[in-house]
Amino acid sequence: MIGLWPVRLRGALRGALVDEDIRKVDRWTARYHLATVSFSDRPVDPFFNANRPEDLEQAHVLLDQLAG
Protein backbone atom coordinates (compact mmCIF):
# COMPACT_ATOMS: atom_id res chain seq x y z
CA MET A 1 0.00 0.00 0.00
CA ILE A 2 1.14 3.50 -0.78
CA GLY A 3 -0.52 6.48 0.84
CA LEU A 4 -0.20 10.22 0.51
CA TRP A 5 -1.81 12.48 3.07
CA PRO A 6 -1.62 16.23 3.60
CA VAL A 7 1.01 17.27 6.13
CA ARG A 8 -1.73 19.12 8.01
CA LEU A 9 -2.99 15.70 9.20
CA ARG A 10 0.24 14.89 11.04
CA GLY A 11 -1.22 15.96 14.39
CA ALA A 12 -4.30 13.81 13.85
CA LEU A 13 -2.13 10.84 12.89
CA ARG A 14 0.09 11.33 15.94
CA GLY A 15 -2.97 11.55 18.18
CA ALA A 16 -4.40 8.38 16.68
CA LEU A 17 -1.11 6.54 17.28
CA VAL A 18 -0.22 7.94 20.71
CA ASP A 19 -3.54 8.78 22.35
CA GLU A 20 -5.84 6.21 20.74
CA ASP A 21 -3.30 3.42 20.18
CA ILE A 22 -4.56 2.92 16.62
CA ARG A 23 -2.24 0.63 14.69
CA LYS A 24 -4.38 -0.29 11.66
CA VAL A 25 -4.08 2.28 8.90
CA ASP A 26 -7.62 1.59 7.68
CA ARG A 27 -9.05 2.60 11.08
CA TRP A 28 -7.37 5.98 10.80
CA THR A 29 -8.02 6.60 7.12
CA ALA A 30 -11.72 5.74 7.55
CA ARG A 31 -12.08 9.21 9.09
CA TYR A 32 -11.12 10.93 5.85
CA HIS A 33 -12.19 11.08 2.24
CA LEU A 34 -10.02 8.71 0.23
CA ALA A 35 -9.28 8.47 -3.45
CA THR A 36 -7.94 5.34 -5.08
CA VAL A 37 -5.54 5.67 -7.98
CA SER A 38 -4.49 2.83 -10.24
CA PHE A 39 -0.97 2.68 -11.64
CA SER A 40 0.00 0.61 -14.64
CA ASP A 41 2.74 -1.92 -14.05
CA ARG A 42 3.76 -1.70 -17.69
CA PRO A 43 6.44 -1.32 -18.80
CA VAL A 44 7.67 -1.46 -15.18
CA ASP A 45 5.95 -1.55 -11.81
CA PRO A 46 6.41 2.04 -10.50
CA PHE A 47 6.56 0.63 -6.95
CA PHE A 48 9.14 -2.08 -7.60
CA ASN A 49 10.64 -3.01 -4.26
CA ALA A 50 14.17 -4.36 -3.88
CA ASN A 51 14.81 -6.15 -0.59
CA ARG A 52 17.15 -8.97 -1.59
CA PRO A 53 20.27 -9.11 -3.77
CA GLU A 54 18.30 -10.90 -6.50
CA ASP A 55 15.76 -8.06 -6.47
CA LEU A 56 18.58 -5.62 -7.13
CA GLU A 57 19.70 -7.78 -10.03
CA GLN A 58 16.13 -7.66 -11.39
CA ALA A 59 16.15 -3.87 -11.01
CA HIS A 60 19.27 -3.69 -13.19
CA VAL A 61 17.57 -5.83 -15.84
CA LEU A 62 14.52 -3.56 -15.80
CA LEU A 63 16.65 -0.43 -16.10
CA ASP A 64 18.52 -1.92 -19.03
CA GLN A 65 15.20 -2.72 -20.73
CA LEU A 66 13.93 0.81 -20.21
CA ALA A 67 17.14 2.35 -21.46
CA GLY A 68 16.59 0.35 -24.59
PDB file of N, CA and C in Angstrom:
ATOM      1  N   MET A   1       0.845  -1.160   0.000  1.00  0.00           N
ATOM      2  CA  MET A   1       0.000   0.000   0.000  1.00  0.00           C
ATOM      3  C   MET A   1       0.895   1.228   0.000  1.00  0.00           C
ATOM      4  N   ILE A   2       0.472   2.205  -0.766  1.00  0.00           N
ATOM      5  CA  ILE A   2       1.136   3.497  -0.781  1.00  0.00           C
ATOM      6  C   ILE A   2       0.079   4.526  -0.390  1.00  0.00           C
ATOM      7  N   GLY A   3       0.432   5.447   0.447  1.00  0.00           N
ATOM      8  CA  GLY A   3      -0.521   6.476   0.842  1.00  0.00           C
ATOM      9  C   GLY A   3       0.128   7.841   0.865  1.00  0.00           C
ATOM     10  N   LEU A   4      -0.628   8.823   0.436  1.00  0.00           N
ATOM     11  CA  LEU A   4      -0.201  10.221   0.509  1.00  0.00           C
ATOM     12  C   LEU A   4      -1.271  10.995   1.257  1.00  0.00           C
ATOM     13  N   TRP A   5      -0.878  11.682   2.301  1.00  0.00           N
ATOM     14  CA  TRP A   5      -1.806  12.481   3.071  1.00  0.00           C
ATOM     15  C   TRP A   5      -1.239  13.871   3.252  1.00  0.00           C
ATOM     16  N   PRO A   6      -2.110  14.867   3.376  1.00  0.00           N
ATOM     17  CA  PRO A   6      -1.624  16.227   3.602  1.00  0.00           C
ATOM     18  C   PRO A   6      -0.847  16.313   4.919  1.00  0.00           C
ATOM     19  N   VAL A   7       0.190  17.095   4.921  1.00  0.00           N
ATOM     20  CA  VAL A   7       1.008  17.273   6.126  1.00  0.00           C
ATOM     21  C   VAL A   7       0.164  17.815   7.275  1.00  0.00           C
ATOM     22  N   ARG A   8      -0.886  18.560   6.951  1.00  0.00           N
ATOM     23  CA  ARG A   8      -1.734  19.120   8.013  1.00  0.00           C
ATOM     24  C   ARG A   8      -2.404  18.046   8.872  1.00  0.00           C
ATOM     25  N   LEU A   9      -2.400  16.788   8.419  1.00  0.00           N
ATOM     26  CA  LEU A   9      -2.989  15.699   9.203  1.00  0.00           C
ATOM     27  C   LEU A   9      -2.001  15.043  10.155  1.00  0.00           C
ATOM     28  N   ARG A  10      -0.772  15.545  10.206  1.00  0.00           N
ATOM     29  CA  ARG A  10       0.242  14.890  11.043  1.00  0.00           C
ATOM     30  C   ARG A  10      -0.156  14.871  12.518  1.00  0.00           C
ATOM     31  N   GLY A  11      -0.782  15.930  12.998  1.00  0.00           N
ATOM     32  CA  GLY A  11      -1.224  15.957  14.393  1.00  0.00           C
ATOM     33  C   GLY A  11      -2.313  14.929  14.658  1.00  0.00           C
ATOM     34  N   ALA A  12      -3.234  14.795  13.719  1.00  0.00           N
ATOM     35  CA  ALA A  12      -4.299  13.806  13.851  1.00  0.00           C
ATOM     36  C   ALA A  12      -3.735  12.391  13.820  1.00  0.00           C
ATOM     37  N   LEU A  13      -2.751  12.162  12.960  1.00  0.00           N
ATOM     38  CA  LEU A  13      -2.129  10.843  12.892  1.00  0.00           C
ATOM     39  C   LEU A  13      -1.378  10.542  14.187  1.00  0.00           C
ATOM     40  N   ARG A  14      -0.637  11.523  14.677  1.00  0.00           N
ATOM     41  CA  ARG A  14       0.087  11.329  15.941  1.00  0.00           C
ATOM     42  C   ARG A  14      -0.881  11.042  17.078  1.00  0.00           C
ATOM     43  N   GLY A  15      -1.970  11.783  17.135  1.00  0.00           N
ATOM     44  CA  GLY A  15      -2.974  11.549  18.178  1.00  0.00           C
ATOM     45  C   GLY A  15      -3.572  10.154  18.087  1.00  0.00           C
ATOM     46  N   ALA A  16      -3.839   9.717  16.870  1.00  0.00           N
ATOM     47  CA  ALA A  16      -4.397   8.377  16.683  1.00  0.00           C
ATOM     48  C   ALA A  16      -3.404   7.313  17.164  1.00  0.00           C
ATOM     49  N   LEU A  17      -2.132   7.510  16.868  1.00  0.00           N
ATOM     50  CA  LEU A  17      -1.112   6.543  17.277  1.00  0.00           C
ATOM     51  C   LEU A  17      -0.844   6.581  18.782  1.00  0.00           C
ATOM     52  N   VAL A  18      -0.646   7.786  19.316  1.00  0.00           N
ATOM     53  CA  VAL A  18      -0.223   7.936  20.707  1.00  0.00           C
ATOM     54  C   VAL A  18      -1.400   7.875  21.678  1.00  0.00           C
ATOM     55  N   ASP A  19      -2.436   8.666  21.405  1.00  0.00           N
ATOM     56  CA  ASP A  19      -3.542   8.780  22.352  1.00  0.00           C
ATOM     57  C   ASP A  19      -4.570   7.659  22.210  1.00  0.00           C
ATOM     58  N   GLU A  20      -4.802   7.214  20.984  1.00  0.00           N
ATOM     59  CA  GLU A  20      -5.837   6.206  20.739  1.00  0.00           C
ATOM     60  C   GLU A  20      -5.281   4.809  20.500  1.00  0.00           C
ATOM     61  N   ASP A  21      -3.969   4.705  20.408  1.00  0.00           N
ATOM     62  CA  ASP A  21      -3.296   3.424  20.179  1.00  0.00           C
ATOM     63  C   ASP A  21      -3.804   2.721  18.919  1.00  0.00           C
ATOM     64  N   ILE A  22      -4.126   3.492  17.891  1.00  0.00           N
ATOM     65  CA  ILE A  22      -4.564   2.923  16.619  1.00  0.00           C
ATOM     66  C   ILE A  22      -3.333   2.440  15.862  1.00  0.00           C
ATOM     67  N   ARG A  23      -3.366   1.206  15.417  1.00  0.00           N
ATOM     68  CA  ARG A  23      -2.240   0.629  14.691  1.00  0.00           C
ATOM     69  C   ARG A  23      -2.633   0.155  13.289  1.00  0.00           C
ATOM     70  N   LYS A  24      -3.917   0.144  12.989  1.00  0.00           N
ATOM     71  CA  LYS A  24      -4.375  -0.286  11.664  1.00  0.00           C
ATOM     72  C   LYS A  24      -4.661   0.961  10.832  1.00  0.00           C
ATOM     73  N   VAL A  25      -3.958   1.081   9.719  1.00  0.00           N
ATOM     74  CA  VAL A  25      -4.077   2.281   8.902  1.00  0.00           C
ATOM     75  C   VAL A  25      -5.512   2.502   8.430  1.00  0.00           C
ATOM     76  N   ASP A  26      -6.252   1.422   8.165  1.00  0.00           N
ATOM     77  CA  ASP A  26      -7.621   1.593   7.680  1.00  0.00           C
ATOM     78  C   ASP A  26      -8.543   2.172   8.743  1.00  0.00           C
ATOM     79  N   ARG A  27      -8.243   1.974  10.014  1.00  0.00           N
ATOM     80  CA  ARG A  27      -9.050   2.596  11.077  1.00  0.00           C
ATOM     81  C   ARG A  27      -8.855   4.111  11.076  1.00  0.00           C
ATOM     82  N   TRP A  28      -7.635   4.542  10.833  1.00  0.00           N
ATOM     83  CA  TRP A  28      -7.365   5.982  10.804  1.00  0.00           C
ATOM     84  C   TRP A  28      -7.891   6.618   9.530  1.00  0.00           C
ATOM     85  N   THR A  29      -7.618   6.003   8.397  1.00  0.00           N
ATOM     86  CA  THR A  29      -8.022   6.598   7.123  1.00  0.00           C
ATOM     87  C   THR A  29      -9.534   6.604   6.936  1.00  0.00           C
ATOM     88  N   ALA A  30     -10.261   5.756   7.659  1.00  0.00           N
ATOM     89  CA  ALA A  30     -11.724   5.743   7.548  1.00  0.00           C
ATOM     90  C   ALA A  30     -12.339   7.083   7.959  1.00  0.00           C
ATOM     91  N   ARG A  31     -11.597   7.894   8.648  1.00  0.00           N
ATOM     92  CA  ARG A  31     -12.078   9.208   9.090  1.00  0.00           C
ATOM     93  C   ARG A  31     -12.033  10.262   7.994  1.00  0.00           C
ATOM     94  N   TYR A  32     -11.376   9.939   6.888  1.00  0.00           N
ATOM     95  CA  TYR A  32     -11.117  10.933   5.852  1.00  0.00           C
ATOM     96  C   TYR A  32     -11.611  10.452   4.493  1.00  0.00           C
ATOM     97  N   HIS A  33     -11.831  11.411   3.616  1.00  0.00           N
ATOM     98  CA  HIS A  33     -12.188  11.085   2.239  1.00  0.00           C
ATOM     99  C   HIS A  33     -10.961  10.501   1.559  1.00  0.00           C
ATOM    100  N   LEU A  34     -11.139   9.367   0.904  1.00  0.00           N
ATOM    101  CA  LEU A  34     -10.024   8.707   0.233  1.00  0.00           C
ATOM    102  C   LEU A  34     -10.280   8.648  -1.264  1.00  0.00           C
ATOM    103  N   ALA A  35      -9.220   8.683  -1.997  1.00  0.00           N
ATOM    104  CA  ALA A  35      -9.279   8.472  -3.446  1.00  0.00           C
ATOM    105  C   ALA A  35      -8.331   7.331  -3.774  1.00  0.00           C
ATOM    106  N   THR A  36      -8.772   6.459  -4.640  1.00  0.00           N
ATOM    107  CA  THR A  36      -7.944   5.340  -5.076  1.00  0.00           C
ATOM    108  C   THR A  36      -7.442   5.634  -6.476  1.00  0.00           C
ATOM    109  N   VAL A  37      -6.162   5.417  -6.678  1.00  0.00           N
ATOM    110  CA  VAL A  37      -5.544   5.670  -7.978  1.00  0.00           C
ATOM    111  C   VAL A  37      -4.873   4.386  -8.438  1.00  0.00           C
ATOM    112  N   SER A  38      -5.124   4.021  -9.670  1.00  0.00           N
ATOM    113  CA  SER A  38      -4.486   2.830 -10.238  1.00  0.00           C
ATOM    114  C   SER A  38      -3.252   3.245 -11.023  1.00  0.00           C
ATOM    115  N   PHE A  39      -2.209   2.449 -10.905  1.00  0.00           N
ATOM    116  CA  PHE A  39      -0.973   2.676 -11.642  1.00  0.00           C
ATOM    117  C   PHE A  39      -0.728   1.463 -12.522  1.00  0.00           C
ATOM    118  N   SER A  40      -0.345   1.709 -13.743  1.00  0.00           N
ATOM    119  CA  SER A  40      -0.003   0.611 -14.636  1.00  0.00           C
ATOM    120  C   SER A  40       1.340   0.023 -14.223  1.00  0.00           C
ATOM    121  N   ASP A  41       1.453  -1.287 -14.333  1.00  0.00           N
ATOM    122  CA  ASP A  41       2.741  -1.920 -14.047  1.00  0.00           C
ATOM    123  C   ASP A  41       3.505  -2.205 -15.332  1.00  0.00           C
ATOM    124  N   ARG A  42       3.107  -1.541 -16.392  1.00  0.00           N
ATOM    125  CA  ARG A  42       3.762  -1.697 -17.686  1.00  0.00           C
ATOM    126  C   ARG A  42       4.338  -0.364 -18.124  1.00  0.00           C
ATOM    127  N   PRO A  43       5.507  -0.231 -18.551  1.00  0.00           N
ATOM    128  CA  PRO A  43       6.435  -1.322 -18.803  1.00  0.00           C
ATOM    129  C   PRO A  43       7.108  -1.829 -17.528  1.00  0.00           C
ATOM    130  N   VAL A  44       7.032  -1.056 -16.438  1.00  0.00           N
ATOM    131  CA  VAL A  44       7.667  -1.459 -15.183  1.00  0.00           C
ATOM    132  C   VAL A  44       6.759  -1.046 -14.034  1.00  0.00           C
ATOM    133  N   ASP A  45       6.709  -1.872 -13.012  1.00  0.00           N
ATOM    134  CA  ASP A  45       5.953  -1.552 -11.805  1.00  0.00           C
ATOM    135  C   ASP A  45       6.570  -0.303 -11.169  1.00  0.00           C
ATOM    136  N   PRO A  46       5.819   0.811 -11.061  1.00  0.00           N
ATOM    137  CA  PRO A  46       6.407   2.037 -10.496  1.00  0.00           C
ATOM    138  C   PRO A  46       6.757   1.905  -9.011  1.00  0.00           C
ATOM    139  N   PHE A  47       6.279   0.849  -8.370  1.00  0.00           N
ATOM    140  CA  PHE A  47       6.558   0.631  -6.952  1.00  0.00           C
ATOM    141  C   PHE A  47       7.417  -0.617  -6.729  1.00  0.00           C
ATOM    142  N   PHE A  48       8.232  -0.936  -7.730  1.00  0.00           N
ATOM    143  CA  PHE A  48       9.136  -2.078  -7.604  1.00  0.00           C
ATOM    144  C   PHE A  48       9.927  -1.947  -6.316  1.00  0.00           C
ATOM    145  N   ASN A  49      10.009  -3.032  -5.569  1.00  0.00           N
ATOM    146  CA  ASN A  49      10.645  -3.006  -4.260  1.00  0.00           C
ATOM    147  C   ASN A  49      11.817  -3.989  -4.252  1.00  0.00           C
ATOM    148  N   ALA A  50      12.983  -3.509  -3.931  1.00  0.00           N
ATOM    149  CA  ALA A  50      14.170  -4.360  -3.884  1.00  0.00           C
ATOM    150  C   ALA A  50      14.591  -4.570  -2.431  1.00  0.00           C
ATOM    151  N   ASN A  51      14.443  -5.807  -1.969  1.00  0.00           N
ATOM    152  CA  ASN A  51      14.812  -6.148  -0.593  1.00  0.00           C
ATOM    153  C   ASN A  51      15.948  -7.162  -0.505  1.00  0.00           C
ATOM    154  N   ARG A  52      16.147  -7.908  -1.583  1.00  0.00           N
ATOM    155  CA  ARG A  52      17.148  -8.972  -1.589  1.00  0.00           C
ATOM    156  C   ARG A  52      18.126  -8.717  -2.727  1.00  0.00           C
ATOM    157  N   PRO A  53      19.299  -9.303  -2.674  1.00  0.00           N
ATOM    158  CA  PRO A  53      20.267  -9.112  -3.767  1.00  0.00           C
ATOM    159  C   PRO A  53      19.685  -9.469  -5.136  1.00  0.00           C
ATOM    160  N   GLU A  54      18.882 -10.526  -5.210  1.00  0.00           N
ATOM    161  CA  GLU A  54      18.304 -10.900  -6.496  1.00  0.00           C
ATOM    162  C   GLU A  54      17.287  -9.862  -6.996  1.00  0.00           C
ATOM    163  N   ASP A  55      16.655  -9.143  -6.068  1.00  0.00           N
ATOM    164  CA  ASP A  55      15.759  -8.056  -6.470  1.00  0.00           C
ATOM    165  C   ASP A  55      16.559  -6.926  -7.115  1.00  0.00           C
ATOM    166  N   LEU A  56      17.718  -6.653  -6.568  1.00  0.00           N
ATOM    167  CA  LEU A  56      18.577  -5.619  -7.135  1.00  0.00           C
ATOM    168  C   LEU A  56      19.043  -6.019  -8.534  1.00  0.00           C
ATOM    169  N   GLU A  57      19.337  -7.285  -8.705  1.00  0.00           N
ATOM    170  CA  GLU A  57      19.695  -7.779 -10.033  1.00  0.00           C
ATOM    171  C   GLU A  57      18.538  -7.571 -11.006  1.00  0.00           C
ATOM    172  N   GLN A  58      17.319  -7.869 -10.547  1.00  0.00           N
ATOM    173  CA  GLN A  58      16.134  -7.662 -11.390  1.00  0.00           C
ATOM    174  C   GLN A  58      15.959  -6.179 -11.714  1.00  0.00           C
ATOM    175  N   ALA A  59      16.248  -5.312 -10.769  1.00  0.00           N
ATOM    176  CA  ALA A  59      16.152  -3.870 -11.011  1.00  0.00           C
ATOM    177  C   ALA A  59      17.102  -3.450 -12.121  1.00  0.00           C
ATOM    178  N   HIS A  60      18.310  -3.997 -12.127  1.00  0.00           N
ATOM    179  CA  HIS A  60      19.274  -3.691 -13.191  1.00  0.00           C
ATOM    180  C   HIS A  60      18.755  -4.150 -14.544  1.00  0.00           C
ATOM    181  N   VAL A  61      18.150  -5.319 -14.592  1.00  0.00           N
ATOM    182  CA  VAL A  61      17.572  -5.833 -15.842  1.00  0.00           C
ATOM    183  C   VAL A  61      16.475  -4.891 -16.334  1.00  0.00           C
ATOM    184  N   LEU A  62      15.600  -4.476 -15.429  1.00  0.00           N
ATOM    185  CA  LEU A  62      14.515  -3.565 -15.795  1.00  0.00           C
ATOM    186  C   LEU A  62      15.047  -2.224 -16.302  1.00  0.00           C
ATOM    187  N   LEU A  63      16.056  -1.691 -15.653  1.00  0.00           N
ATOM    188  CA  LEU A  63      16.654  -0.435 -16.099  1.00  0.00           C
ATOM    189  C   LEU A  63      17.266  -0.569 -17.479  1.00  0.00           C
ATOM    190  N   ASP A  64      17.937  -1.671 -17.721  1.00  0.00           N
ATOM    191  CA  ASP A  64      18.515  -1.916 -19.034  1.00  0.00           C
ATOM    192  C   ASP A  64      17.424  -1.983 -20.101  1.00  0.00           C
ATOM    193  N   GLN A  65      16.311  -2.626 -19.783  1.00  0.00           N
ATOM    194  CA  GLN A  65      15.204  -2.723 -20.728  1.00  0.00           C
ATOM    195  C   GLN A  65      14.610  -1.354 -21.031  1.00  0.00           C
ATOM    196  N   LEU A  66      14.489  -0.528 -20.011  1.00  0.00           N
ATOM    197  CA  LEU A  66      13.925   0.812 -20.206  1.00  0.00           C
ATOM    198  C   LEU A  66      14.865   1.706 -20.990  1.00  0.00           C
ATOM    199  N   ALA A  67      16.148   1.530 -20.758  1.00  0.00           N
ATOM    200  CA  ALA A  67      17.141   2.352 -21.464  1.00  0.00           C
ATOM    201  C   ALA A  67      17.208   1.987 -22.943  1.00  0.00           C
ATOM    202  N   GLY A  68      16.761   0.794 -23.242  1.00  0.00           N
ATOM    203  CA  GLY A  68      16.595   0.353 -24.588  1.00  0.00           C
ATOM    204  C   GLY A  68      17.736  -0.071 -25.367  1.00  0.00           C
TER     205      GLY A  68
END
